[in-house]
PDB file of N, CA and C in Angstrom:
ATOM      1  N   MET A   1      73.696  90.137 142.294  1.00  0.00           N
ATOM      2  CA  MET A   1      72.635  90.720 142.883  1.00  0.00           C
ATOM      3  C   MET A   1      72.941  92.014 143.910  1.00  0.00           C
ATOM      4  N   ASN A   2      72.977  91.977 145.205  1.00  0.00           N
ATOM      5  CA  ASN A   2      73.598  93.110 146.228  1.00  0.00           C
ATOM      6  C   ASN A   2      73.820  94.287 145.609  1.00  0.00           C
ATOM      7  N   ASP A   3      74.922  93.684 144.768  1.00  0.00           N
ATOM      8  CA  ASP A   3      76.028  94.737 143.735  1.00  0.00           C
ATOM      9  C   ASP A   3      75.143  95.675 143.170  1.00  0.00           C
ATOM     10  N   ILE A   4      74.069  95.423 142.562  1.00  0.00           N
ATOM     11  CA  ILE A   4      73.164  96.093 141.822  1.00  0.00           C
ATOM     12  C   ILE A   4      72.398  96.575 142.673  1.00  0.00           C
ATOM     13  N   THR A   5      71.561  96.415 144.001  1.00  0.00           N
ATOM     14  CA  THR A   5      70.673  97.151 144.153  1.00  0.00           C
ATOM     15  C   THR A   5      71.510  98.208 144.976  1.00  0.00           C
ATOM     16  N   HIS A   6      73.153  97.767 145.161  1.00  0.00           N
ATOM     17  CA  HIS A   6      73.380  99.247 146.016  1.00  0.00           C
ATOM     18  C   HIS A   6      74.091  99.968 144.959  1.00  0.00           C
ATOM     19  N   MET A   7      74.352  99.482 143.791  1.00  0.00           N
ATOM     20  CA  MET A   7      74.575 100.326 142.706  1.00  0.00           C
ATOM     21  C   MET A   7      73.146 101.596 142.708  1.00  0.00           C
ATOM     22  N   SER A   8      71.733 101.010 142.742  1.00  0.00           N
ATOM     23  CA  SER A   8      70.581 101.611 142.493  1.00  0.00           C
ATOM     24  C   SER A   8      70.558 102.858 143.381  1.00  0.00           C
ATOM     25  N   ASP A   9      70.386 102.459 144.475  1.00  0.00           N
ATOM     26  CA  ASP A   9      70.671 103.419 145.790  1.00  0.00           C
ATOM     27  C   ASP A   9      71.764 104.490 145.473  1.00  0.00           C
ATOM     28  N   ILE A  10      72.573 104.396 145.245  1.00  0.00           N
ATOM     29  CA  ILE A  10      73.922 105.506 145.224  1.00  0.00           C
ATOM     30  C   ILE A  10      73.446 106.096 143.578  1.00  0.00           C
ATOM     31  N   VAL A  11      73.117 105.319 142.559  1.00  0.00           N
ATOM     32  CA  VAL A  11      72.525 106.293 141.355  1.00  0.00           C
ATOM     33  C   VAL A  11      71.781 107.529 141.849  1.00  0.00           C
ATOM     34  N   ASP A  12      70.465 106.816 142.384  1.00  0.00           N
ATOM     35  CA  ASP A  12      69.162 107.254 142.910  1.00  0.00           C
ATOM     36  C   ASP A  12      69.410 108.812 143.319  1.00  0.00           C
ATOM     37  N   GLY A  13      71.102 108.426 144.656  1.00  0.00           N
ATOM     38  CA  GLY A  13      71.077 109.780 144.979  1.00  0.00           C
ATOM     39  C   GLY A  13      71.780 110.928 144.144  1.00  0.00           C
ATOM     40  N   MET A  14      72.509 110.184 143.211  1.00  0.00           N
ATOM     41  CA  MET A  14      73.226 110.730 142.384  1.00  0.00           C
ATOM     42  C   MET A  14      72.435 111.728 141.377  1.00  0.00           C
ATOM     43  N   VAL A  15      71.391 111.112 140.851  1.00  0.00           N
ATOM     44  CA  VAL A  15      70.636 111.722 140.395  1.00  0.00           C
ATOM     45  C   VAL A  15      69.895 113.517 141.379  1.00  0.00           C
ATOM     46  N   SER A  16      69.720 113.038 142.179  1.00  0.00           N
ATOM     47  CA  SER A  16      69.250 114.050 143.095  1.00  0.00           C
ATOM     48  C   SER A  16      70.282 114.921 143.415  1.00  0.00           C
ATOM     49  N   LYS A  17      71.133 114.236 143.522  1.00  0.00           N
ATOM     50  CA  LYS A  17      72.137 115.019 144.272  1.00  0.00           C
ATOM     51  C   LYS A  17      72.635 116.474 142.804  1.00  0.00           C
ATOM     52  N   SER A  18      72.643 115.325 141.879  1.00  0.00           N
ATOM     53  CA  SER A  18      72.801 116.614 140.349  1.00  0.00           C
ATOM     54  C   SER A  18      72.516 117.817 140.061  1.00  0.00           C
ATOM     55  N   LEU A  19      70.396 117.124 140.081  1.00  0.00           N
ATOM     56  CA  LEU A  19      69.761 118.330 140.184  1.00  0.00           C
ATOM     57  C   LEU A  19      69.939 119.346 141.322  1.00  0.00           C
ATOM     58  N   SER A  20      69.833 118.679 142.496  1.00  0.00           N
ATOM     59  CA  SER A  20      70.057 119.609 143.509  1.00  0.00           C
ATOM     60  C   SER A  20      71.366 120.919 143.210  1.00  0.00           C
ATOM     61  N   ALA A  21      72.758 119.994 142.837  1.00  0.00           N
ATOM     62  CA  ALA A  21      73.559 121.113 142.830  1.00  0.00           C
ATOM     63  C   ALA A  21      73.838 121.928 141.500  1.00  0.00           C
ATOM     64  N   PHE A  22      73.167 121.525 140.755  1.00  0.00           N
ATOM     65  CA  PHE A  22      72.527 122.351 139.781  1.00  0.00           C
ATOM     66  C   PHE A  22      71.444 123.879 140.028  1.00  0.00           C
ATOM     67  N   LEU A  23      70.624 123.470 140.057  1.00  0.00           N
ATOM     68  CA  LEU A  23      69.940 124.274 140.709  1.00  0.00           C
ATOM     69  C   LEU A  23      70.008 125.367 141.560  1.00  0.00           C
ATOM     70  N   ASN A  24      71.249 124.737 142.496  1.00  0.00           N
ATOM     71  CA  ASN A  24      71.738 126.045 144.398  1.00  0.00           C
ATOM     72  C   ASN A  24      73.094 125.547 143.420  1.00  0.00           C
ATOM     73  N   GLU A  25      73.379 125.587 142.494  1.00  0.00           N
ATOM     74  CA  GLU A  25      74.938 125.915 142.132  1.00  0.00           C
ATOM     75  C   GLU A  25      76.085 125.642 143.358  1.00  0.00           C
ATOM     76  N   ASP A  26      76.010 124.764 143.828  1.00  0.00           N
ATOM     77  CA  ASP A  26      76.480 123.848 145.102  1.00  0.00           C
ATOM     78  C   ASP A  26      77.790 122.823 144.482  1.00  0.00           C
ATOM     79  N   MET A  27      78.265 123.592 144.908  1.00  0.00           N
ATOM     80  CA  MET A  27      80.123 122.728 144.134  1.00  0.00           C
ATOM     81  C   MET A  27      80.682 121.441 144.841  1.00  0.00           C
ATOM     82  N   ASN A  28      80.138 122.081 146.438  1.00  0.00           N
ATOM     83  CA  ASN A  28      80.115 120.787 147.629  1.00  0.00           C
ATOM     84  C   ASN A  28      79.693 118.848 147.242  1.00  0.00           C
ATOM     85  N   LEU A  29      78.237 119.342 146.753  1.00  0.00           N
ATOM     86  CA  LEU A  29      77.522 118.435 146.226  1.00  0.00           C
ATOM     87  C   LEU A  29      78.229 117.696 144.977  1.00  0.00           C
ATOM     88  N   VAL A  30      79.096 118.607 143.787  1.00  0.00           N
ATOM     89  CA  VAL A  30      79.485 118.145 142.851  1.00  0.00           C
ATOM     90  C   VAL A  30      80.619 117.030 143.129  1.00  0.00           C
ATOM     91  N   ARG A  31      81.435 117.305 144.031  1.00  0.00           N
ATOM     92  CA  ARG A  31      82.409 116.528 144.501  1.00  0.00           C
ATOM     93  C   ARG A  31      81.816 115.498 145.435  1.00  0.00           C
ATOM     94  N   GLU A  32      81.091 115.369 145.828  1.00  0.00           N
ATOM     95  CA  GLU A  32      80.002 113.742 146.435  1.00  0.00           C
ATOM     96  C   GLU A  32      79.762 113.192 145.452  1.00  0.00           C
ATOM     97  N   ILE A  33      79.114 113.696 143.921  1.00  0.00           N
ATOM     98  CA  ILE A  33      78.717 113.168 142.785  1.00  0.00           C
ATOM     99  C   ILE A  33      80.256 112.322 142.355  1.00  0.00           C
ATOM    100  N   LYS A  34      81.004 113.045 142.282  1.00  0.00           N
ATOM    101  CA  LYS A  34      82.172 112.668 141.698  1.00  0.00           C
ATOM    102  C   LYS A  34      82.537 111.451 142.494  1.00  0.00           C
ATOM    103  N   ARG A  35      82.629 111.230 143.829  1.00  0.00           N
ATOM    104  CA  ARG A  35      83.055 110.595 145.100  1.00  0.00           C
ATOM    105  C   ARG A  35      82.138 108.881 144.610  1.00  0.00           C
ATOM    106  N   ASP A  36      80.338 109.803 144.571  1.00  0.00           N
ATOM    107  CA  ASP A  36      80.006 108.208 144.254  1.00  0.00           C
ATOM    108  C   ASP A  36      80.235 107.802 143.276  1.00  0.00           C
ATOM    109  N   ASP A  37      80.248 108.264 141.858  1.00  0.00           N
ATOM    110  CA  ASP A  37      80.348 107.795 140.722  1.00  0.00           C
ATOM    111  C   ASP A  37      81.623 106.673 140.659  1.00  0.00           C
ATOM    112  N   ASP A  38      82.723 107.063 141.843  1.00  0.00           N
ATOM    113  CA  ASP A  38      83.664 105.974 141.645  1.00  0.00           C
ATOM    114  C   ASP A  38      83.236 104.664 142.209  1.00  0.00           C
ATOM    115  N   LYS A  39      82.830 105.155 143.427  1.00  0.00           N
ATOM    116  CA  LYS A  39      81.585 103.928 143.528  1.00  0.00           C
ATOM    117  C   LYS A  39      80.991 102.901 142.875  1.00  0.00           C
ATOM    118  N   VAL A  40      80.194 103.637 141.865  1.00  0.00           N
ATOM    119  CA  VAL A  40      79.535 102.851 141.413  1.00  0.00           C
ATOM    120  C   VAL A  40      80.346 101.969 139.884  1.00  0.00           C
ATOM    121  N   ASP A  41      81.271 103.125 139.912  1.00  0.00           N
ATOM    122  CA  ASP A  41      81.883 102.152 138.601  1.00  0.00           C
ATOM    123  C   ASP A  41      82.816 100.978 139.295  1.00  0.00           C
ATOM    124  N   ASP A  42      82.911 100.998 140.682  1.00  0.00           N
ATOM    125  CA  ASP A  42      83.588 100.003 141.297  1.00  0.00           C
ATOM    126  C   ASP A  42      82.667  98.755 141.004  1.00  0.00           C
ATOM    127  N   LEU A  43      81.388  99.309 141.844  1.00  0.00           N
ATOM    128  CA  LEU A  43      80.415  98.388 141.722  1.00  0.00           C
ATOM    129  C   LEU A  43      80.411  97.783 140.524  1.00  0.00           C
ATOM    130  N   PHE A  44      79.952  98.249 139.484  1.00  0.00           N
ATOM    131  CA  PHE A  44      80.015  97.619 138.324  1.00  0.00           C
ATOM    132  C   PHE A  44      80.980  96.786 137.736  1.00  0.00           C
ATOM    133  N   ASP A  45      82.139  97.233 138.058  1.00  0.00           N
ATOM    134  CA  ASP A  45      83.350  96.706 137.777  1.00  0.00           C
ATOM    135  C   ASP A  45      83.142  94.640 138.626  1.00  0.00           C
ATOM    136  N   GLN A  46      82.635  95.062 140.031  1.00  0.00           N
ATOM    137  CA  GLN A  46      82.306  93.765 140.742  1.00  0.00           C
ATOM    138  C   GLN A  46      81.122  93.207 140.099  1.00  0.00           C
ATOM    139  N   ALA A  47      80.166  93.448 139.734  1.00  0.00           N
ATOM    140  CA  ALA A  47      79.164  93.273 139.678  1.00  0.00           C
ATOM    141  C   ALA A  47      79.086  92.298 137.955  1.00  0.00           C
ATOM    142  N   LEU A  48      79.592  92.777 137.222  1.00  0.00           N
ATOM    143  CA  LEU A  48      80.416  92.408 135.456  1.00  0.00           C
ATOM    144  C   LEU A  48      81.538  91.135 136.024  1.00  0.00           C
ATOM    145  N   ASN A  49      82.287  91.328 137.070  1.00  0.00           N
ATOM    146  CA  ASN A  49      83.045  90.118 137.604  1.00  0.00           C
ATOM    147  C   ASN A  49      82.342  89.018 137.749  1.00  0.00           C
ATOM    148  N   ASP A  50      81.291  89.264 138.455  1.00  0.00           N
ATOM    149  CA  ASP A  50      80.255  88.296 139.576  1.00  0.00           C
ATOM    150  C   ASP A  50      79.283  87.375 138.418  1.00  0.00           C
ATOM    151  N   ILE A  51      78.885  88.240 137.746  1.00  0.00           N
ATOM    152  CA  ILE A  51      77.781  88.380 136.365  1.00  0.00           C
ATOM    153  C   ILE A  51      79.118  86.824 135.529  1.00  0.00           C
ATOM    154  N   SER A  52      79.861  87.657 134.786  1.00  0.00           N
ATOM    155  CA  SER A  52      80.386  86.753 133.818  1.00  0.00           C
ATOM    156  C   SER A  52      80.751  85.354 134.884  1.00  0.00           C
ATOM    157  N   ASN A  53      81.219  84.913 135.870  1.00  0.00           N
ATOM    158  CA  ASN A  53      81.681  84.081 136.751  1.00  0.00           C
ATOM    159  C   ASN A  53      80.175  82.871 136.871  1.00  0.00           C
ATOM    160  N   SER A  54      79.117  83.275 137.244  1.00  0.00           N
ATOM    161  CA  SER A  54      78.196  83.173 137.102  1.00  0.00           C
ATOM    162  C   SER A  54      77.010  82.658 135.805  1.00  0.00           C
ATOM    163  N   MET A  55      77.739  83.270 134.916  1.00  0.00           N
ATOM    164  CA  MET A  55      77.330  82.556 133.803  1.00  0.00           C
ATOM    165  C   MET A  55      77.887  81.038 133.403  1.00  0.00           C
ATOM    166  N   PHE A  56      79.211  81.211 133.688  1.00  0.00           N
ATOM    167  CA  PHE A  56      79.677  79.350 133.495  1.00  0.00           C
ATOM    168  C   PHE A  56      78.894  78.729 134.606  1.00  0.00           C
ATOM    169  N   GLN A  57      79.246  78.924 135.550  1.00  0.00           N
ATOM    170  CA  GLN A  57      78.911  78.492 136.288  1.00  0.00           C
ATOM    171  C   GLN A  57      77.053  77.823 136.620  1.00  0.00           C
ATOM    172  N   GLU A  58      76.328  78.674 136.363  1.00  0.00           N
ATOM    173  CA  GLU A  58      75.009  78.687 135.929  1.00  0.00           C
ATOM    174  C   GLU A  58      73.896  78.680 134.599  1.00  0.00           C
ATOM    175  N   LYS A  59      74.648  77.411 133.615  1.00  0.00           N
ATOM    176  CA  LYS A  59      74.264  78.053 132.515  1.00  0.00           C
ATOM    177  C   LYS A  59      72.902  77.924 131.929  1.00  0.00           C
ATOM    178  N   GLU A  60      71.841  77.660 132.904  1.00  0.00           N
ATOM    179  CA  GLU A  60      70.334  77.855 132.294  1.00  0.00           C
ATOM    180  C   GLU A  60      70.010  79.239 132.587  1.00  0.00           C
ATOM    181  N   ALA A  61      70.794  79.948 133.552  1.00  0.00           N
ATOM    182  CA  ALA A  61      70.211  80.676 133.705  1.00  0.00           C
ATOM    183  C   ALA A  61      71.075  82.801 133.080  1.00  0.00           C
ATOM    184  N   ILE A  62      71.409  81.810 131.636  1.00  0.00           N
ATOM    185  CA  ILE A  62      72.004  82.728 131.307  1.00  0.00           C
ATOM    186  C   ILE A  62      71.445  84.206 130.972  1.00  0.00           C
ATOM    187  N   SER A  63      70.815  84.067 129.959  1.00  0.00           N
ATOM    188  CA  SER A  63      69.591  84.489 129.494  1.00  0.00           C
ATOM    189  C   SER A  63      68.870  86.128 130.816  1.00  0.00           C
ATOM    190  N   TYR A  64      69.273  85.322 132.039  1.00  0.00           N
ATOM    191  CA  TYR A  64      68.613  86.282 133.488  1.00  0.00           C
ATOM    192  C   TYR A  64      69.750  87.091 134.187  1.00  0.00           C
ATOM    193  N   MET A  65      71.119  86.310 133.514  1.00  0.00           N
ATOM    194  CA  MET A  65      72.270  87.163 133.766  1.00  0.00           C
ATOM    195  C   MET A  65      72.512  88.484 132.621  1.00  0.00           C
ATOM    196  N   ILE A  66      72.189  87.761 131.886  1.00  0.00           N
ATOM    197  CA  ILE A  66      72.538  89.159 130.638  1.00  0.00           C
ATOM    198  C   ILE A  66      71.352  89.958 131.059  1.00  0.00           C
ATOM    199  N   SER A  67      70.490  90.036 131.427  1.00  0.00           N
ATOM    200  CA  SER A  67      69.471  90.931 131.835  1.00  0.00           C
ATOM    201  C   SER A  67      70.223  91.866 133.180  1.00  0.00           C
ATOM    202  N   LEU A  68      70.400  91.072 134.137  1.00  0.00           N
ATOM    203  CA  LEU A  68      71.140  91.811 135.117  1.00  0.00           C
ATOM    204  C   LEU A  68      72.454  92.971 134.946  1.00  0.00           C
ATOM    205  N   LEU A  69      73.425  92.013 133.520  1.00  0.00           N
ATOM    206  CA  LEU A  69      74.080  92.865 133.357  1.00  0.00           C
ATOM    207  C   LEU A  69      73.984  93.828 132.371  1.00  0.00           C
ATOM    208  N   PHE A  70      72.770  94.241 131.942  1.00  0.00           N
ATOM    209  CA  PHE A  70      72.629  95.699 131.322  1.00  0.00           C
ATOM    210  C   PHE A  70      71.771  96.132 132.549  1.00  0.00           C
ATOM    211  N   VAL A  71      71.005  96.121 133.095  1.00  0.00           N
ATOM    212  CA  VAL A  71      70.387  96.864 134.306  1.00  0.00           C
ATOM    213  C   VAL A  71      71.858  97.296 134.958  1.00  0.00           C
ATOM    214  N   ALA A  72      72.988  96.739 135.378  1.00  0.00           N
ATOM    215  CA  ALA A  72      74.532  97.387 135.846  1.00  0.00           C
ATOM    216  C   ALA A  72      74.510  98.295 134.872  1.00  0.00           C
ATOM    217  N   ARG A  73      74.820  98.146 133.045  1.00  0.00           N
ATOM    218  CA  ARG A  73      75.512  98.503 132.522  1.00  0.00           C
ATOM    219  C   ARG A  73      74.796 100.163 132.624  1.00  0.00           C
ATOM    220  N   PHE A  74      73.133 100.177 132.435  1.00  0.00           N
ATOM    221  CA  PHE A  74      72.315 100.953 132.556  1.00  0.00           C
ATOM    222  C   PHE A  74      72.411 101.988 133.409  1.00  0.00           C
ATOM    223  N   LEU A  75      72.401 101.599 134.762  1.00  0.00           N
ATOM    224  CA  LEU A  75      73.220 101.945 135.993  1.00  0.00           C
ATOM    225  C   LEU A  75      74.005 102.498 136.330  1.00  0.00           C
ATOM    226  N   GLU A  76      75.303 102.359 135.623  1.00  0.00           N
ATOM    227  CA  GLU A  76      76.339 102.750 135.322  1.00  0.00           C
ATOM    228  C   GLU A  76      76.377 103.865 134.515  1.00  0.00           C
ATOM    229  N   ARG A  77      75.531 104.119 133.504  1.00  0.00           N
ATOM    230  CA  ARG A  77      75.326 105.160 132.515  1.00  0.00           C
ATOM    231  C   ARG A  77      74.714 106.391 132.744  1.00  0.00           C
ATOM    232  N   ILE A  78      73.997 105.914 133.611  1.00  0.00           N
ATOM    233  CA  ILE A  78      72.473 106.902 134.822  1.00  0.00           C
ATOM    234  C   ILE A  78      73.652 107.948 135.669  1.00  0.00           C
ATOM    235  N   ALA A  79      74.361 106.667 135.492  1.00  0.00           N
ATOM    236  CA  ALA A  79      75.651 107.282 137.007  1.00  0.00           C
ATOM    237  C   ALA A  79      76.501 108.737 135.969  1.00  0.00           C
ATOM    238  N   ASP A  80      76.900 108.293 135.368  1.00  0.00           N
ATOM    239  CA  ASP A  80      77.922 109.274 134.467  1.00  0.00           C
ATOM    240  C   ASP A  80      77.400 110.650 133.780  1.00  0.00           C
ATOM    241  N   ARG A  81      76.291 110.176 133.609  1.00  0.00           N
ATOM    242  CA  ARG A  81      74.797 111.459 132.806  1.00  0.00           C
ATOM    243  C   ARG A  81      74.816 112.477 134.533  1.00  0.00           C
ATOM    244  N   ALA A  82      74.530 111.517 135.488  1.00  0.00           N
ATOM    245  CA  ALA A  82      74.443 112.714 136.638  1.00  0.00           C
ATOM    246  C   ALA A  82      75.768 113.651 136.869  1.00  0.00           C
ATOM    247  N   GLU A  83      76.837 112.749 136.697  1.00  0.00           N
ATOM    248  CA  GLU A  83      78.152 113.064 136.870  1.00  0.00           C
ATOM    249  C   GLU A  83      78.576 114.839 135.531  1.00  0.00           C
ATOM    250  N   ASN A  84      78.058 114.242 134.661  1.00  0.00           N
ATOM    251  CA  ASN A  84      77.796 115.278 133.772  1.00  0.00           C
ATOM    252  C   ASN A  84      77.031 116.539 133.948  1.00  0.00           C
ATOM    253  N   ILE A  85      76.198 116.324 134.783  1.00  0.00           N
ATOM    254  CA  ILE A  85      75.159 117.766 134.798  1.00  0.00           C
ATOM    255  C   ILE A  85      76.076 117.870 136.012  1.00  0.00           C
ATOM    256  N   GLY A  86      76.471 117.726 136.988  1.00  0.00           N
ATOM    257  CA  GLY A  86      77.949 118.146 137.805  1.00  0.00           C
ATOM    258  C   GLY A  86      78.904 119.028 137.170  1.00  0.00           C
ATOM    259  N   ASP A  87      79.426 118.358 136.252  1.00  0.00           N
ATOM    260  CA  ASP A  87      80.367 118.904 135.244  1.00  0.00           C
ATOM    261  C   ASP A  87      80.387 120.432 134.481  1.00  0.00           C
ATOM    262  N   ARG A  88      78.406 120.183 134.014  1.00  0.00           N
ATOM    263  CA  ARG A  88      77.996 121.221 133.602  1.00  0.00           C
ATOM    264  C   ARG A  88      77.921 122.412 134.660  1.00  0.00           C
ATOM    265  N   THR A  89      77.606 122.408 136.002  1.00  0.00           N
ATOM    266  CA  THR A  89      77.314 123.179 137.215  1.00  0.00           C
ATOM    267  C   THR A  89      78.583 123.769 137.238  1.00  0.00           C
ATOM    268  N   ILE A  90      79.575 123.008 137.323  1.00  0.00           N
ATOM    269  CA  ILE A  90      80.956 123.867 137.616  1.00  0.00           C
ATOM    270  C   ILE A  90      80.801 124.474 136.491  1.00  0.00           C
ATOM    271  N   TYR A  91      80.871 124.562 135.407  1.00  0.00           N
ATOM    272  CA  TYR A  91      81.184 125.069 134.243  1.00  0.00           C
ATOM    273  C   TYR A  91      80.146 126.767 134.425  1.00  0.00           C
ATOM    274  N   MET A  92      79.318 126.227 135.019  1.00  0.00           N
ATOM    275  CA  MET A  92      77.903 127.330 135.063  1.00  0.00           C
ATOM    276  C   MET A  92      78.317 128.241 135.942  1.00  0.00           C
ATOM    277  N   ILE A  93      79.078 127.670 137.191  1.00  0.00           N
ATOM    278  CA  ILE A  93      79.782 128.441 138.473  1.00  0.00           C
ATOM    279  C   ILE A  93      80.817 129.349 137.807  1.00  0.00           C
ATOM    280  N   THR A  94      81.919 128.176 137.584  1.00  0.00           N
ATOM    281  CA  THR A  94      83.450 129.186 137.274  1.00  0.00           C
ATOM    282  C   THR A  94      83.653 129.128 135.634  1.00  0.00           C
ATOM    283  N   CYS A  95      82.860 128.653 134.934  1.00  0.00           N
ATOM    284  CA  CYS A  95      83.102 128.971 133.234  1.00  0.00           C
ATOM    285  C   CYS A  95      83.978 128.987 132.641  1.00  0.00           C
ATOM    286  N   GLU A  96      84.497 127.848 133.669  1.00  0.00           N
ATOM    287  CA  GLU A  96      85.425 126.384 132.928  1.00  0.00           C
ATOM    288  C   GLU A  96      85.335 124.943 133.316  1.00  0.00           C
ATOM    289  N   LYS A  97      85.832 124.431 132.014  1.00  0.00           N
ATOM    290  CA  LYS A  97      85.758 123.064 132.043  1.00  0.00           C
ATOM    291  C   LYS A  97      86.371 122.065 132.821  1.00  0.00           C
ATOM    292  N   PRO A  98      85.913 121.313 134.004  1.00  0.00           N
ATOM    293  CA  PRO A  98      86.507 120.369 134.600  1.00  0.00           C
ATOM    294  C   PRO A  98      87.901 119.910 134.438  1.00  0.00           C
ATOM    295  N   GLY A  99      88.490 119.968 135.007  1.00  0.00           N
ATOM    296  CA  GLY A  99      90.034 119.054 134.791  1.00  0.00           C
ATOM    297  C   GLY A  99      90.497 119.927 133.726  1.00  0.00           C
ATOM    298  N   VAL A 100      90.080 120.925 132.627  1.00  0.00           N
ATOM    299  CA  VAL A 100      91.030 121.407 131.894  1.00  0.00           C
ATOM    300  C   VAL A 100      91.618 122.312 132.343  1.00  0.00           C
ATOM    301  N   ALA A 101      92.014 122.973 133.307  1.00  0.00           N
ATOM    302  CA  ALA A 101      92.993 124.035 133.911  1.00  0.00           C
ATOM    303  C   ALA A 101      93.994 123.057 134.216  1.00  0.00           C
ATOM    304  N   ASP A 102      93.844 121.713 135.027  1.00  0.00           N
ATOM    305  CA  ASP A 102      94.556 120.949 135.874  1.00  0.00           C
ATOM    306  C   ASP A 102      95.433 120.550 134.442  1.00  0.00           C
ATOM    307  N   LYS A 103      95.203 119.768 133.137  1.00  0.00           N
ATOM    308  CA  LYS A 103      95.647 119.645 131.834  1.00  0.00           C
ATOM    309  C   LYS A 103      96.375 120.378 131.434  1.00  0.00           C
ATOM    310  N   LEU A 104      95.784 122.093 131.711  1.00  0.00           N
ATOM    311  CA  LEU A 104      96.456 122.601 130.886  1.00  0.00           C
ATOM    312  C   LEU A 104      98.067 123.036 131.892  1.00  0.00           C
ATOM    313  N   ASN A 105      97.445 123.263 132.679  1.00  0.00           N
ATOM    314  CA  ASN A 105      99.460 123.404 133.512  1.00  0.00           C
ATOM    315  C   ASN A 105      99.801 121.609 133.690  1.00  0.00           C
ATOM    316  N   GLN A 106      99.559 121.209 133.739  1.00  0.00           N
ATOM    317  CA  GLN A 106     100.492 119.595 133.396  1.00  0.00           C
ATOM    318  C   GLN A 106     101.415 119.830 132.344  1.00  0.00           C
ATOM    319  N   LEU A 107     100.390 120.008 131.131  1.00  0.00           N
ATOM    320  CA  LEU A 107     101.258 120.011 129.951  1.00  0.00           C
ATOM    321  C   LEU A 107     102.088 121.344 129.630  1.00  0.00           C
ATOM    322  N   ILE A 108     101.977 122.396 130.348  1.00  0.00           N
ATOM    323  CA  ILE A 108     102.615 123.808 130.578  1.00  0.00           C
ATOM    324  C   ILE A 108     103.999 122.997 131.495  1.00  0.00           C
ATOM    325  N   ASN A 109     103.739 122.183 132.706  1.00  0.00           N
ATOM    326  CA  ASN A 109     105.026 121.997 133.274  1.00  0.00           C
ATOM    327  C   ASN A 109     106.008 120.736 132.307  1.00  0.00           C
ATOM    328  N   ASP A 110     105.385 120.367 131.713  1.00  0.00           N
ATOM    329  CA  ASP A 110     105.935 119.153 130.934  1.00  0.00           C
ATOM    330  C   ASP A 110     106.532 119.389 129.802  1.00  0.00           C
ATOM    331  N   GLU A 111     105.946 121.071 128.671  1.00  0.00           N
ATOM    332  CA  GLU A 111     106.824 121.731 128.169  1.00  0.00           C
ATOM    333  C   GLU A 111     108.130 122.087 128.877  1.00  0.00           C
ATOM    334  N   GLU A 112     107.968 122.668 129.916  1.00  0.00           N
ATOM    335  CA  GLU A 112     109.045 122.775 130.319  1.00  0.00           C
ATOM    336  C   GLU A 112     110.032 122.468 130.970  1.00  0.00           C
ATOM    337  N   LYS A 113     109.438 120.675 131.135  1.00  0.00           N
ATOM    338  CA  LYS A 113     111.133 119.884 132.038  1.00  0.00           C
ATOM    339  C   LYS A 113     111.894 120.093 130.583  1.00  0.00           C
ATOM    340  N   LYS A 114     111.286 119.932 129.243  1.00  0.00           N
ATOM    341  CA  LYS A 114     111.957 119.603 128.152  1.00  0.00           C
ATOM    342  C   LYS A 114     112.904 120.836 127.940  1.00  0.00           C
TER     343      LYS A 114
END
């Protein structure tokens, strides 16, 4: 349960940061959002593991555990959406999709090695 509470705090901050980054064209906030998304992903994985283990130990509370799992999943998806706003902010500022230039350079380097 603590994982989900911590997730909700981070996700709340991510949504605020993503809107602020977009409105203020702030690339530094976008970087923070990306780091926060990694934290949320890790917390979701931990919550999934903890909830799955609890389901086997407390069979009478399975419906409650399933609800917790849905909450964790929805929080993780909200975090992904906040990250998407950050990606659109990057595109708005640079006219480049995040990661595309890096992928293109990697493909070029791979082709040159052949």
